[in-house]
Amino acid sequence: MLNKRLSYLQIALNGTLSEVKGVIGLLPASDRILIEAGTSFIKTYGIEGISFIDRLWSYKLGKKGYIVADLKCMDRGFTEVMAAKDSGAQAATCLGLAPIQTVNLFIEKCKELNIDSMIDMMNVEFPFGILEKLKQIPNIVVLHRGVEQLEVGNKEIPFLQIHKILETYDVLISVAGGETFKEVGGAIFNDANIAVVWKAFSENPSQTAKLAKTFLREIR
């Protein structure tokens, strides 16, 4: 679904319905912007919340937009993928820390339903080791610094992992955990396909359009 020759900005939304609507209203319409229904947003609003985001972003684009359901699945991957698909999502996430059987079923079901499988490697020291155990490779590997890790200023974004994975597997790489344009640019410069941001859009919505427009202008 995504073009490996392009770079994408993924914006994670975790506010109220009205806040989400306001942020989407500020964004430039572009296929290179992916909208994420964040985990806490999904816990609050369920699959109806994902559908709400899908309708807003698709209306903004004038066609179907790319929505990521950040399920962070740890169990019941089969069922959660079906829920994401029914809500209008084009991708869903499963944690790399989940049992390998769960991850395998998650990827298999994503493939069957024609949505992208994203395996989130948050707190996985060696993502490559997880990939080696899988029956088939996901569409996207997410290298992720958690919110609390980011707030205390630790845990480097694992750029070296990007090259190790890409040397062996035909996947897209998403890097989550940067917030400034410098961090976003650094992820793309180090061969990530997707840079994920959340804090700037949650805490300072007035800067939303500026950062997104700069990304679209400066990064291809």
N, C-alpha and C. Protein backbone atom coordinates (compact mmCIF):
# COMPACT_ATOMS: atom_id res chain seq x y z
N MET A 1 0.82 -1.21 0.00
CA MET A 1 0.00 0.00 0.00
C MET A 1 0.86 1.27 0.00
N LEU A 2 1.99 1.22 0.70
CA LEU A 2 2.88 2.36 0.75
C LEU A 2 4.01 2.18 -0.26
N ASN A 3 4.50 3.30 -0.77
CA ASN A 3 5.56 3.29 -1.77
C ASN A 3 6.92 3.37 -1.07
N LYS A 4 7.75 2.36 -1.26
CA LYS A 4 9.04 2.32 -0.58
C LYS A 4 9.98 3.43 -1.03
N ARG A 5 9.68 4.06 -2.14
CA ARG A 5 10.53 5.13 -2.64
C ARG A 5 10.18 6.48 -2.02
N LEU A 6 9.10 6.53 -1.25
CA LEU A 6 8.67 7.78 -0.63
C LEU A 6 8.91 7.75 0.87
N SER A 7 8.93 8.93 1.47
CA SER A 7 9.04 9.06 2.92
C SER A 7 7.72 9.57 3.46
N TYR A 8 7.33 9.05 4.62
CA TYR A 8 6.03 9.36 5.19
C TYR A 8 6.15 9.92 6.60
N LEU A 9 5.21 10.80 6.94
CA LEU A 9 5.09 11.33 8.30
C LEU A 9 3.82 10.74 8.90
N GLN A 10 3.96 10.01 9.99
CA GLN A 10 2.80 9.43 10.68
C GLN A 10 2.49 10.23 11.92
N ILE A 11 1.26 10.70 12.02
CA ILE A 11 0.85 11.56 13.12
C ILE A 11 -0.08 10.79 14.04
N ALA A 12 0.36 10.59 15.28
CA ALA A 12 -0.42 9.82 16.24
C ALA A 12 -1.35 10.76 17.01
N LEU A 13 -2.63 10.43 17.01
CA LEU A 13 -3.65 11.25 17.66
C LEU A 13 -4.24 10.51 18.86
N ASN A 14 -4.25 11.20 20.01
CA ASN A 14 -4.73 10.58 21.24
C ASN A 14 -5.61 11.52 22.08
N GLY A 15 -6.15 12.55 21.46
CA GLY A 15 -6.98 13.50 22.20
C GLY A 15 -8.45 13.11 22.19
N THR A 16 -9.28 14.10 22.48
CA THR A 16 -10.72 13.90 22.39
C THR A 16 -11.14 13.96 20.93
N LEU A 17 -12.39 13.61 20.67
CA LEU A 17 -12.89 13.66 19.30
C LEU A 17 -12.78 15.07 18.72
N SER A 18 -13.10 16.07 19.53
CA SER A 18 -13.03 17.45 19.04
C SER A 18 -11.59 17.88 18.80
N GLU A 19 -10.67 17.45 19.66
CA GLU A 19 -9.26 17.79 19.48
C GLU A 19 -8.70 17.12 18.22
N VAL A 20 -9.06 15.87 18.01
CA VAL A 20 -8.63 15.15 16.81
C VAL A 20 -9.15 15.84 15.56
N LYS A 21 -10.40 16.23 15.60
CA LYS A 21 -10.99 16.93 14.46
C LYS A 21 -10.25 18.23 14.17
N GLY A 22 -9.87 18.94 15.23
CA GLY A 22 -9.15 20.19 15.06
C GLY A 22 -7.78 20.00 14.45
N VAL A 23 -7.05 18.97 14.90
CA VAL A 23 -5.72 18.70 14.36
C VAL A 23 -5.80 18.32 12.89
N ILE A 24 -6.72 17.43 12.55
CA ILE A 24 -6.85 17.00 11.16
C ILE A 24 -7.20 18.20 10.27
N GLY A 25 -7.99 19.12 10.82
CA GLY A 25 -8.34 20.32 10.05
C GLY A 25 -7.15 21.18 9.72
N LEU A 26 -6.09 21.12 10.54
CA LEU A 26 -4.89 21.93 10.32
C LEU A 26 -3.91 21.32 9.32
N LEU A 27 -4.02 20.02 9.11
CA LEU A 27 -3.02 19.32 8.31
C LEU A 27 -3.17 19.58 6.82
N PRO A 28 -2.05 19.65 6.10
CA PRO A 28 -2.13 19.69 4.64
C PRO A 28 -2.58 18.33 4.12
N ALA A 29 -3.38 18.33 3.07
CA ALA A 29 -3.86 17.08 2.49
C ALA A 29 -2.74 16.46 1.66
N SER A 30 -2.27 15.30 2.05
CA SER A 30 -1.19 14.63 1.34
C SER A 30 -1.23 13.14 1.59
N ASP A 31 -0.97 12.35 0.56
CA ASP A 31 -0.87 10.90 0.71
C ASP A 31 0.34 10.50 1.55
N ARG A 32 1.28 11.43 1.74
CA ARG A 32 2.48 11.13 2.50
C ARG A 32 2.31 11.38 4.00
N ILE A 33 1.11 11.74 4.39
CA ILE A 33 0.79 11.86 5.81
C ILE A 33 -0.11 10.69 6.19
N LEU A 34 0.33 9.92 7.18
CA LEU A 34 -0.43 8.80 7.70
C LEU A 34 -1.01 9.21 9.05
N ILE A 35 -2.26 8.88 9.27
CA ILE A 35 -2.91 9.26 10.53
C ILE A 35 -3.08 8.03 11.41
N GLU A 36 -2.56 8.13 12.62
CA GLU A 36 -2.65 7.02 13.57
C GLU A 36 -3.72 7.26 14.61
N ALA A 37 -4.60 6.30 14.77
CA ALA A 37 -5.50 6.27 15.92
C ALA A 37 -4.70 5.67 17.06
N GLY A 38 -4.27 6.52 18.01
CA GLY A 38 -3.38 6.08 19.07
C GLY A 38 -4.03 5.09 20.01
N THR A 39 -3.20 4.39 20.78
CA THR A 39 -3.70 3.34 21.66
C THR A 39 -4.70 3.87 22.68
N SER A 40 -4.38 4.98 23.34
CA SER A 40 -5.30 5.51 24.35
C SER A 40 -6.59 6.02 23.71
N PHE A 41 -6.48 6.55 22.48
CA PHE A 41 -7.68 6.98 21.76
C PHE A 41 -8.59 5.79 21.47
N ILE A 42 -8.00 4.69 21.03
CA ILE A 42 -8.79 3.49 20.73
C ILE A 42 -9.41 2.93 22.00
N LYS A 43 -8.67 2.96 23.11
CA LYS A 43 -9.23 2.47 24.38
C LYS A 43 -10.43 3.31 24.82
N THR A 44 -10.40 4.59 24.49
CA THR A 44 -11.50 5.47 24.88
C THR A 44 -12.70 5.35 23.94
N TYR A 45 -12.43 5.32 22.63
CA TYR A 45 -13.51 5.41 21.65
C TYR A 45 -13.74 4.14 20.83
N GLY A 46 -12.89 3.14 20.98
CA GLY A 46 -13.10 1.88 20.30
C GLY A 46 -12.96 1.98 18.78
N ILE A 47 -13.52 0.99 18.10
CA ILE A 47 -13.41 0.99 16.64
C ILE A 47 -14.20 2.13 16.02
N GLU A 48 -15.22 2.63 16.75
CA GLU A 48 -15.96 3.79 16.24
C GLU A 48 -15.04 5.01 16.15
N GLY A 49 -14.09 5.11 17.07
CA GLY A 49 -13.13 6.21 17.02
C GLY A 49 -12.23 6.12 15.81
N ILE A 50 -11.79 4.89 15.48
CA ILE A 50 -10.97 4.71 14.29
C ILE A 50 -11.75 5.11 13.05
N SER A 51 -13.01 4.70 12.99
CA SER A 51 -13.86 5.05 11.85
C SER A 51 -14.07 6.56 11.75
N PHE A 52 -14.15 7.22 12.90
CA PHE A 52 -14.29 8.68 12.95
C PHE A 52 -13.07 9.35 12.30
N ILE A 53 -11.89 8.90 12.67
CA ILE A 53 -10.66 9.44 12.09
C ILE A 53 -10.60 9.14 10.59
N ASP A 54 -10.98 7.94 10.22
CA ASP A 54 -10.96 7.54 8.81
C ASP A 54 -11.86 8.46 7.98
N ARG A 55 -13.05 8.73 8.48
CA ARG A 55 -13.98 9.61 7.74
C ARG A 55 -13.42 11.02 7.60
N LEU A 56 -12.85 11.56 8.68
CA LEU A 56 -12.31 12.92 8.65
C LEU A 56 -11.15 13.04 7.66
N TRP A 57 -10.21 12.10 7.74
CA TRP A 57 -9.02 12.19 6.90
C TRP A 57 -9.36 11.90 5.43
N SER A 58 -10.24 10.96 5.19
CA SER A 58 -10.63 10.65 3.81
C SER A 58 -11.38 11.83 3.19
N TYR A 59 -12.19 12.51 3.99
CA TYR A 59 -12.90 13.69 3.49
C TYR A 59 -11.91 14.80 3.15
N LYS A 60 -10.90 14.95 4.01
CA LYS A 60 -9.87 15.97 3.79
C LYS A 60 -9.11 15.70 2.48
N LEU A 61 -8.77 14.43 2.25
CA LEU A 61 -8.01 14.07 1.06
C LEU A 61 -8.86 14.02 -0.21
N GLY A 62 -10.15 13.80 -0.01
CA GLY A 62 -11.03 13.61 -1.17
C GLY A 62 -10.96 12.19 -1.70
N LYS A 63 -10.38 11.29 -0.92
CA LYS A 63 -10.28 9.87 -1.26
C LYS A 63 -9.90 9.12 0.01
N LYS A 64 -9.83 7.82 -0.09
CA LYS A 64 -9.50 7.01 1.08
C LYS A 64 -8.11 7.36 1.61
N GLY A 65 -8.02 7.67 2.91
CA GLY A 65 -6.74 7.98 3.52
C GLY A 65 -6.15 6.75 4.20
N TYR A 66 -4.89 6.87 4.61
CA TYR A 66 -4.17 5.77 5.25
C TYR A 66 -4.25 5.95 6.76
N ILE A 67 -4.95 5.03 7.42
CA ILE A 67 -5.15 5.09 8.87
C ILE A 67 -4.47 3.91 9.53
N VAL A 68 -3.70 4.19 10.58
CA VAL A 68 -3.03 3.15 11.36
C VAL A 68 -3.79 2.96 12.68
N ALA A 69 -4.21 1.74 12.96
CA ALA A 69 -4.83 1.41 14.24
C ALA A 69 -3.74 0.89 15.17
N ASP A 70 -3.34 1.71 16.14
CA ASP A 70 -2.24 1.33 17.04
C ASP A 70 -2.78 0.45 18.16
N LEU A 71 -3.06 -0.81 17.83
CA LEU A 71 -3.67 -1.74 18.78
C LEU A 71 -2.69 -2.21 19.84
N LYS A 72 -1.39 -2.22 19.48
CA LYS A 72 -0.37 -2.82 20.37
C LYS A 72 -0.82 -4.20 20.85
N CYS A 73 -1.25 -5.00 19.93
CA CYS A 73 -1.79 -6.32 20.23
C CYS A 73 -0.76 -7.20 20.95
N MET A 74 -1.21 -7.88 22.02
CA MET A 74 -0.37 -8.85 22.73
C MET A 74 -0.99 -10.24 22.72
N ASP A 75 -2.27 -10.30 22.34
CA ASP A 75 -3.01 -11.56 22.34
C ASP A 75 -4.20 -11.39 21.41
N ARG A 76 -4.81 -12.48 21.00
CA ARG A 76 -6.02 -12.42 20.18
C ARG A 76 -5.79 -11.59 18.90
N GLY A 77 -4.63 -11.75 18.30
CA GLY A 77 -4.31 -10.97 17.10
C GLY A 77 -5.30 -11.16 15.99
N PHE A 78 -5.80 -12.39 15.84
CA PHE A 78 -6.77 -12.72 14.80
C PHE A 78 -7.99 -11.82 14.90
N THR A 79 -8.54 -11.69 16.12
CA THR A 79 -9.75 -10.91 16.34
C THR A 79 -9.50 -9.41 16.19
N GLU A 80 -8.38 -8.93 16.73
CA GLU A 80 -8.11 -7.50 16.70
C GLU A 80 -7.87 -6.99 15.28
N VAL A 81 -7.24 -7.81 14.44
CA VAL A 81 -7.03 -7.40 13.05
C VAL A 81 -8.37 -7.23 12.34
N MET A 82 -9.30 -8.14 12.58
CA MET A 82 -10.62 -8.03 11.96
C MET A 82 -11.33 -6.74 12.39
N ALA A 83 -11.20 -6.39 13.67
CA ALA A 83 -11.81 -5.16 14.17
C ALA A 83 -11.20 -3.93 13.50
N ALA A 84 -9.87 -3.94 13.35
CA ALA A 84 -9.19 -2.82 12.70
C ALA A 84 -9.65 -2.68 11.25
N LYS A 85 -9.73 -3.79 10.56
CA LYS A 85 -10.17 -3.78 9.16
C LYS A 85 -11.60 -3.24 9.05
N ASP A 86 -12.48 -3.71 9.92
CA ASP A 86 -13.88 -3.27 9.88
C ASP A 86 -14.02 -1.78 10.17
N SER A 87 -13.06 -1.21 10.91
CA SER A 87 -13.13 0.21 11.26
C SER A 87 -12.61 1.12 10.15
N GLY A 88 -11.99 0.54 9.12
CA GLY A 88 -11.48 1.33 8.01
C GLY A 88 -9.98 1.54 8.02
N ALA A 89 -9.27 0.91 8.96
CA ALA A 89 -7.81 1.07 9.04
C ALA A 89 -7.12 0.36 7.89
N GLN A 90 -5.98 0.93 7.46
CA GLN A 90 -5.14 0.29 6.43
C GLN A 90 -3.95 -0.43 7.03
N ALA A 91 -3.73 -0.25 8.34
CA ALA A 91 -2.62 -0.91 9.02
C ALA A 91 -2.97 -1.07 10.50
N ALA A 92 -2.35 -2.07 11.13
CA ALA A 92 -2.56 -2.30 12.56
C ALA A 92 -1.23 -2.73 13.17
N THR A 93 -1.11 -2.54 14.49
CA THR A 93 0.14 -2.85 15.16
C THR A 93 0.00 -4.01 16.14
N CYS A 94 1.08 -4.79 16.22
CA CYS A 94 1.22 -5.86 17.21
C CYS A 94 2.58 -5.68 17.86
N LEU A 95 2.69 -5.94 19.13
CA LEU A 95 3.97 -5.77 19.82
C LEU A 95 4.91 -6.94 19.53
N GLY A 96 6.16 -6.62 19.29
CA GLY A 96 7.16 -7.65 19.11
C GLY A 96 7.38 -8.48 20.36
N LEU A 97 6.97 -7.97 21.51
CA LEU A 97 7.08 -8.69 22.77
C LEU A 97 5.99 -9.74 22.94
N ALA A 98 5.00 -9.74 22.07
CA ALA A 98 3.93 -10.73 22.14
C ALA A 98 4.48 -12.12 21.85
N PRO A 99 3.77 -13.18 22.27
CA PRO A 99 4.20 -14.53 21.90
C PRO A 99 4.36 -14.66 20.38
N ILE A 100 5.36 -15.39 19.95
CA ILE A 100 5.61 -15.51 18.52
C ILE A 100 4.38 -16.06 17.79
N GLN A 101 3.65 -16.99 18.43
CA GLN A 101 2.45 -17.53 17.81
C GLN A 101 1.43 -16.42 17.53
N THR A 102 1.32 -15.48 18.47
CA THR A 102 0.39 -14.36 18.30
C THR A 102 0.83 -13.46 17.15
N VAL A 103 2.13 -13.17 17.10
CA VAL A 103 2.65 -12.32 16.03
C VAL A 103 2.44 -12.99 14.67
N ASN A 104 2.70 -14.28 14.60
CA ASN A 104 2.50 -15.00 13.34
C ASN A 104 1.04 -14.96 12.88
N LEU A 105 0.12 -15.19 13.79
CA LEU A 105 -1.30 -15.15 13.45
C LEU A 105 -1.73 -13.74 13.05
N PHE A 106 -1.18 -12.76 13.73
CA PHE A 106 -1.48 -11.37 13.42
C PHE A 106 -1.06 -11.04 11.99
N ILE A 107 0.17 -11.38 11.62
CA ILE A 107 0.67 -11.10 10.27
C ILE A 107 -0.15 -11.87 9.23
N GLU A 108 -0.45 -13.11 9.53
CA GLU A 108 -1.23 -13.93 8.60
C GLU A 108 -2.61 -13.33 8.34
N LYS A 109 -3.26 -12.87 9.41
CA LYS A 109 -4.60 -12.30 9.26
C LYS A 109 -4.55 -10.96 8.53
N CYS A 110 -3.53 -10.15 8.81
CA CYS A 110 -3.37 -8.89 8.08
C CYS A 110 -3.24 -9.14 6.58
N LYS A 111 -2.44 -10.13 6.24
CA LYS A 111 -2.24 -10.47 4.83
C LYS A 111 -3.55 -10.92 4.20
N GLU A 112 -4.29 -11.74 4.91
CA GLU A 112 -5.58 -12.25 4.41
C GLU A 112 -6.57 -11.12 4.16
N LEU A 113 -6.59 -10.13 5.06
CA LEU A 113 -7.55 -9.03 4.96
C LEU A 113 -7.01 -7.83 4.17
N ASN A 114 -5.77 -7.98 3.69
CA ASN A 114 -5.16 -6.93 2.85
C ASN A 114 -5.00 -5.61 3.59
N ILE A 115 -4.48 -5.68 4.83
CA ILE A 115 -4.05 -4.48 5.52
C ILE A 115 -2.59 -4.70 5.96
N ASP A 116 -1.86 -3.62 6.15
CA ASP A 116 -0.45 -3.71 6.48
C ASP A 116 -0.24 -4.14 7.93
N SER A 117 0.66 -5.08 8.14
CA SER A 117 1.03 -5.52 9.48
C SER A 117 2.24 -4.71 9.94
N MET A 118 2.10 -4.10 11.13
CA MET A 118 3.19 -3.34 11.74
C MET A 118 3.58 -4.03 13.04
N ILE A 119 4.84 -4.43 13.16
CA ILE A 119 5.31 -5.04 14.39
C ILE A 119 6.13 -4.01 15.15
N ASP A 120 5.62 -3.63 16.32
CA ASP A 120 6.22 -2.57 17.14
C ASP A 120 7.25 -3.19 18.08
N MET A 121 8.50 -2.80 17.89
CA MET A 121 9.61 -3.39 18.65
C MET A 121 9.96 -2.59 19.91
N MET A 122 9.01 -1.85 20.47
CA MET A 122 9.27 -1.12 21.70
C MET A 122 9.73 -2.08 22.80
N ASN A 123 10.86 -1.73 23.42
CA ASN A 123 11.45 -2.49 24.52
C ASN A 123 11.99 -3.85 24.08
N VAL A 124 12.13 -4.05 22.78
CA VAL A 124 12.80 -5.25 22.26
C VAL A 124 14.25 -4.87 21.98
N GLU A 125 15.18 -5.48 22.68
CA GLU A 125 16.58 -5.09 22.55
C GLU A 125 17.15 -5.45 21.19
N PHE A 126 16.74 -6.62 20.66
CA PHE A 126 17.26 -7.07 19.37
C PHE A 126 16.10 -7.42 18.43
N PRO A 127 15.52 -6.41 17.76
CA PRO A 127 14.40 -6.66 16.84
C PRO A 127 14.71 -7.71 15.79
N PHE A 128 15.95 -7.76 15.32
CA PHE A 128 16.33 -8.73 14.31
C PHE A 128 16.07 -10.16 14.78
N GLY A 129 16.28 -10.39 16.07
CA GLY A 129 16.05 -11.72 16.63
C GLY A 129 14.59 -12.14 16.57
N ILE A 130 13.69 -11.18 16.74
CA ILE A 130 12.26 -11.48 16.62
C ILE A 130 11.92 -11.83 15.18
N LEU A 131 12.42 -11.05 14.24
CA LEU A 131 12.13 -11.28 12.82
C LEU A 131 12.59 -12.67 12.38
N GLU A 132 13.72 -13.12 12.92
CA GLU A 132 14.26 -14.43 12.54
C GLU A 132 13.32 -15.57 12.94
N LYS A 133 12.50 -15.37 13.94
CA LYS A 133 11.64 -16.44 14.46
C LYS A 133 10.28 -16.51 13.73
N LEU A 134 9.95 -15.50 12.95
CA LEU A 134 8.62 -15.42 12.34
C LEU A 134 8.50 -16.30 11.11
N LYS A 135 7.29 -16.79 10.87
CA LYS A 135 7.01 -17.59 9.67
C LYS A 135 7.06 -16.73 8.41
N GLN A 136 6.57 -15.51 8.53
CA GLN A 136 6.64 -14.56 7.43
C GLN A 136 6.89 -13.17 7.99
N ILE A 137 7.44 -12.31 7.17
CA ILE A 137 7.87 -11.00 7.62
C ILE A 137 6.71 -10.01 7.53
N PRO A 138 6.59 -9.10 8.50
CA PRO A 138 5.53 -8.08 8.43
C PRO A 138 5.81 -7.07 7.33
N ASN A 139 4.82 -6.27 7.03
CA ASN A 139 5.02 -5.20 6.05
C ASN A 139 5.93 -4.11 6.58
N ILE A 140 5.78 -3.82 7.88
CA ILE A 140 6.48 -2.68 8.48
C ILE A 140 7.02 -3.07 9.86
N VAL A 141 8.28 -2.73 10.11
CA VAL A 141 8.89 -2.91 11.43
C VAL A 141 9.00 -1.53 12.08
N VAL A 142 8.48 -1.41 13.30
CA VAL A 142 8.47 -0.14 14.01
C VAL A 142 9.54 -0.16 15.11
N LEU A 143 10.52 0.72 14.97
CA LEU A 143 11.54 0.90 16.01
C LEU A 143 11.10 2.07 16.87
N HIS A 144 10.96 1.85 18.17
CA HIS A 144 10.11 2.72 18.97
C HIS A 144 10.73 3.05 20.32
N ARG A 145 10.85 4.34 20.61
CA ARG A 145 11.09 4.81 21.98
C ARG A 145 9.73 5.11 22.60
N GLY A 146 9.46 4.57 23.78
CA GLY A 146 8.20 4.83 24.45
C GLY A 146 8.09 6.26 24.95
N VAL A 147 6.87 6.67 25.25
CA VAL A 147 6.60 8.05 25.69
C VAL A 147 7.39 8.39 26.94
N GLU A 148 7.35 7.52 27.96
CA GLU A 148 8.06 7.82 29.20
C GLU A 148 9.57 7.84 28.99
N GLN A 149 10.06 6.97 28.13
CA GLN A 149 11.50 6.98 27.82
C GLN A 149 11.89 8.30 27.18
N LEU A 150 11.04 8.80 26.30
CA LEU A 150 11.32 10.07 25.62
C LEU A 150 11.32 11.22 26.61
N GLU A 151 10.37 11.19 27.55
CA GLU A 151 10.23 12.30 28.50
C GLU A 151 11.42 12.43 29.44
N VAL A 152 12.06 11.31 29.79
CA VAL A 152 13.23 11.38 30.68
C VAL A 152 14.52 11.46 29.90
N GLY A 153 14.41 11.52 28.58
CA GLY A 153 15.58 11.79 27.75
C GLY A 153 16.52 10.63 27.56
N ASN A 154 16.03 9.40 27.71
CA ASN A 154 16.91 8.26 27.50
C ASN A 154 16.43 7.41 26.33
N LYS A 155 17.17 6.37 26.06
CA LYS A 155 16.85 5.42 25.01
C LYS A 155 17.02 6.03 23.62
N GLU A 156 18.17 5.84 23.04
CA GLU A 156 18.46 6.34 21.71
C GLU A 156 17.59 5.66 20.66
N ILE A 157 17.20 6.42 19.63
CA ILE A 157 16.53 5.79 18.50
C ILE A 157 17.53 4.85 17.83
N PRO A 158 17.18 3.59 17.64
CA PRO A 158 18.16 2.58 17.20
C PRO A 158 18.41 2.61 15.69
N PHE A 159 19.08 3.65 15.22
CA PHE A 159 19.32 3.76 13.79
C PHE A 159 20.13 2.60 13.23
N LEU A 160 21.06 2.06 14.02
CA LEU A 160 21.88 0.95 13.54
C LEU A 160 21.04 -0.28 13.23
N GLN A 161 19.93 -0.41 13.96
CA GLN A 161 19.04 -1.55 13.72
C GLN A 161 18.41 -1.47 12.33
N ILE A 162 18.19 -0.25 11.84
CA ILE A 162 17.56 -0.08 10.53
C ILE A 162 18.38 -0.79 9.46
N HIS A 163 19.66 -0.52 9.44
CA HIS A 163 20.51 -1.06 8.39
C HIS A 163 20.65 -2.57 8.50
N LYS A 164 20.71 -3.08 9.71
CA LYS A 164 20.81 -4.53 9.91
C LYS A 164 19.56 -5.23 9.37
N ILE A 165 18.41 -4.66 9.65
CA ILE A 165 17.16 -5.27 9.18
C ILE A 165 17.05 -5.19 7.66
N LEU A 166 17.36 -4.02 7.10
CA LEU A 166 17.19 -3.83 5.66
C LEU A 166 18.19 -4.63 4.84
N GLU A 167 19.31 -5.00 5.45
CA GLU A 167 20.27 -5.83 4.74
C GLU A 167 19.73 -7.24 4.48
N THR A 168 18.75 -7.64 5.29
CA THR A 168 18.25 -9.02 5.22
C THR A 168 16.80 -9.12 4.75
N TYR A 169 15.98 -8.15 5.13
CA TYR A 169 14.53 -8.27 4.89
C TYR A 169 13.99 -7.15 4.02
N ASP A 170 13.02 -7.50 3.20
CA ASP A 170 12.34 -6.54 2.33
C ASP A 170 11.12 -5.99 3.07
N VAL A 171 11.37 -5.03 3.94
CA VAL A 171 10.32 -4.43 4.76
C VAL A 171 10.44 -2.91 4.72
N LEU A 172 9.41 -2.25 5.21
CA LEU A 172 9.50 -0.82 5.47
C LEU A 172 9.86 -0.63 6.94
N ILE A 173 10.57 0.45 7.23
CA ILE A 173 10.97 0.76 8.60
C ILE A 173 10.27 2.04 9.05
N SER A 174 9.65 1.95 10.22
CA SER A 174 9.04 3.11 10.86
C SER A 174 9.82 3.42 12.13
N VAL A 175 10.10 4.69 12.37
CA VAL A 175 10.80 5.09 13.59
C VAL A 175 9.90 6.01 14.40
N ALA A 176 9.60 5.60 15.62
CA ALA A 176 8.71 6.36 16.50
C ALA A 176 9.49 6.84 17.71
N GLY A 177 9.26 8.08 18.11
CA GLY A 177 9.91 8.58 19.31
C GLY A 177 10.63 9.89 19.13
N GLY A 178 10.62 10.44 17.93
CA GLY A 178 11.19 11.76 17.71
C GLY A 178 10.09 12.80 17.60
N GLU A 179 10.40 14.05 17.93
CA GLU A 179 9.36 15.07 17.90
C GLU A 179 9.74 16.32 17.11
N THR A 180 11.02 16.61 17.01
CA THR A 180 11.45 17.80 16.29
C THR A 180 11.68 17.46 14.82
N PHE A 181 11.75 18.50 14.00
CA PHE A 181 12.02 18.25 12.58
C PHE A 181 13.40 17.62 12.41
N LYS A 182 14.34 17.99 13.26
CA LYS A 182 15.68 17.40 13.20
C LYS A 182 15.63 15.90 13.44
N GLU A 183 14.84 15.47 14.43
CA GLU A 183 14.72 14.05 14.73
C GLU A 183 14.00 13.31 13.61
N VAL A 184 12.95 13.94 13.08
CA VAL A 184 12.21 13.34 11.97
C VAL A 184 13.13 13.18 10.77
N GLY A 185 13.86 14.25 10.45
CA GLY A 185 14.79 14.20 9.33
C GLY A 185 15.88 13.17 9.55
N GLY A 186 16.34 13.03 10.79
CA GLY A 186 17.38 12.05 11.11
C GLY A 186 16.91 10.63 10.85
N ALA A 187 15.66 10.36 11.19
CA ALA A 187 15.11 9.02 10.94
C ALA A 187 15.09 8.72 9.45
N ILE A 188 14.61 9.66 8.65
CA ILE A 188 14.54 9.46 7.21
C ILE A 188 15.94 9.37 6.60
N PHE A 189 16.84 10.22 7.06
CA PHE A 189 18.22 10.20 6.57
C PHE A 189 18.89 8.86 6.82
N ASN A 190 18.48 8.21 7.91
CA ASN A 190 19.04 6.89 8.25
C ASN A 190 18.22 5.74 7.68
N ASP A 191 17.49 6.04 6.58
CA ASP A 191 16.81 5.04 5.77
C ASP A 191 15.49 4.53 6.32
N ALA A 192 14.91 5.21 7.30
CA ALA A 192 13.53 4.88 7.69
C ALA A 192 12.58 5.36 6.60
N ASN A 193 11.49 4.67 6.45
CA ASN A 193 10.46 5.07 5.49
C ASN A 193 9.40 5.95 6.13
N ILE A 194 9.19 5.76 7.43
CA ILE A 194 8.12 6.46 8.15
C ILE A 194 8.69 7.04 9.44
N ALA A 195 8.40 8.31 9.69
CA ALA A 195 8.74 8.94 10.97
C ALA A 195 7.44 9.24 11.71
N VAL A 196 7.36 8.78 12.94
CA VAL A 196 6.13 8.94 13.73
C VAL A 196 6.30 10.02 14.78
N VAL A 197 5.35 10.94 14.84
CA VAL A 197 5.36 11.99 15.85
C VAL A 197 4.02 12.03 16.56
N TRP A 198 4.05 12.50 17.80
CA TRP A 198 2.78 12.62 18.53
C TRP A 198 2.74 13.86 19.42
N LYS A 199 3.83 14.13 20.13
CA LYS A 199 3.82 15.14 21.18
C LYS A 199 3.53 16.54 20.65
N ALA A 200 4.20 16.90 19.54
CA ALA A 200 4.02 18.23 18.98
C ALA A 200 2.58 18.49 18.58
N PHE A 201 1.90 17.44 18.16
CA PHE A 201 0.53 17.58 17.69
C PHE A 201 -0.46 17.58 18.84
N SER A 202 -0.07 16.97 19.95
CA SER A 202 -0.95 16.94 21.11
C SER A 202 -0.82 18.20 21.96
N GLU A 203 0.41 18.67 22.13
CA GLU A 203 0.66 19.76 23.06
C GLU A 203 0.63 21.14 22.41
N ASN A 204 0.88 21.21 21.11
CA ASN A 204 0.93 22.51 20.46
C ASN A 204 0.32 22.40 19.05
N PRO A 205 -0.99 22.26 18.97
CA PRO A 205 -1.63 22.05 17.66
C PRO A 205 -1.36 23.16 16.66
N SER A 206 -1.07 24.36 17.13
CA SER A 206 -0.81 25.46 16.21
C SER A 206 0.43 25.24 15.35
N GLN A 207 1.33 24.35 15.84
CA GLN A 207 2.55 24.03 15.08
C GLN A 207 2.36 22.84 14.14
N THR A 208 1.19 22.24 14.19
CA THR A 208 0.93 21.03 13.41
C THR A 208 1.17 21.24 11.92
N ALA A 209 0.47 22.21 11.35
CA ALA A 209 0.58 22.44 9.91
C ALA A 209 2.00 22.82 9.52
N LYS A 210 2.67 23.60 10.36
CA LYS A 210 4.03 24.04 10.05
C LYS A 210 4.98 22.87 9.93
N LEU A 211 4.97 21.96 10.91
CA LEU A 211 5.87 20.83 10.88
C LEU A 211 5.55 19.91 9.70
N ALA A 212 4.26 19.66 9.48
CA ALA A 212 3.87 18.78 8.38
C ALA A 212 4.23 19.38 7.04
N LYS A 213 4.00 20.66 6.86
CA LYS A 213 4.34 21.31 5.59
C LYS A 213 5.84 21.31 5.35
N THR A 214 6.61 21.53 6.43
CA THR A 214 8.06 21.50 6.30
C THR A 214 8.53 20.12 5.89
N PHE A 215 7.95 19.10 6.48
CA PHE A 215 8.29 17.72 6.14
C PHE A 215 8.02 17.47 4.65
N LEU A 216 6.84 17.84 4.19
CA LEU A 216 6.47 17.59 2.80
C LEU A 216 7.36 18.36 1.83
N ARG A 217 7.80 19.54 2.25
CA ARG A 217 8.65 20.38 1.38
C ARG A 217 10.11 19.91 1.37
N GLU A 218 10.62 19.54 2.54
CA GLU A 218 12.05 19.28 2.66
C GLU A 218 12.45 17.81 2.49
N ILE A 219 11.51 16.92 2.71
CA ILE A 219 11.83 15.48 2.69
C ILE A 219 11.00 14.79 1.62
N ARG A 220 11.66 14.06 0.78
CA ARG A 220 10.97 13.31 -0.28
C ARG A 220 10.99 11.82 0.05
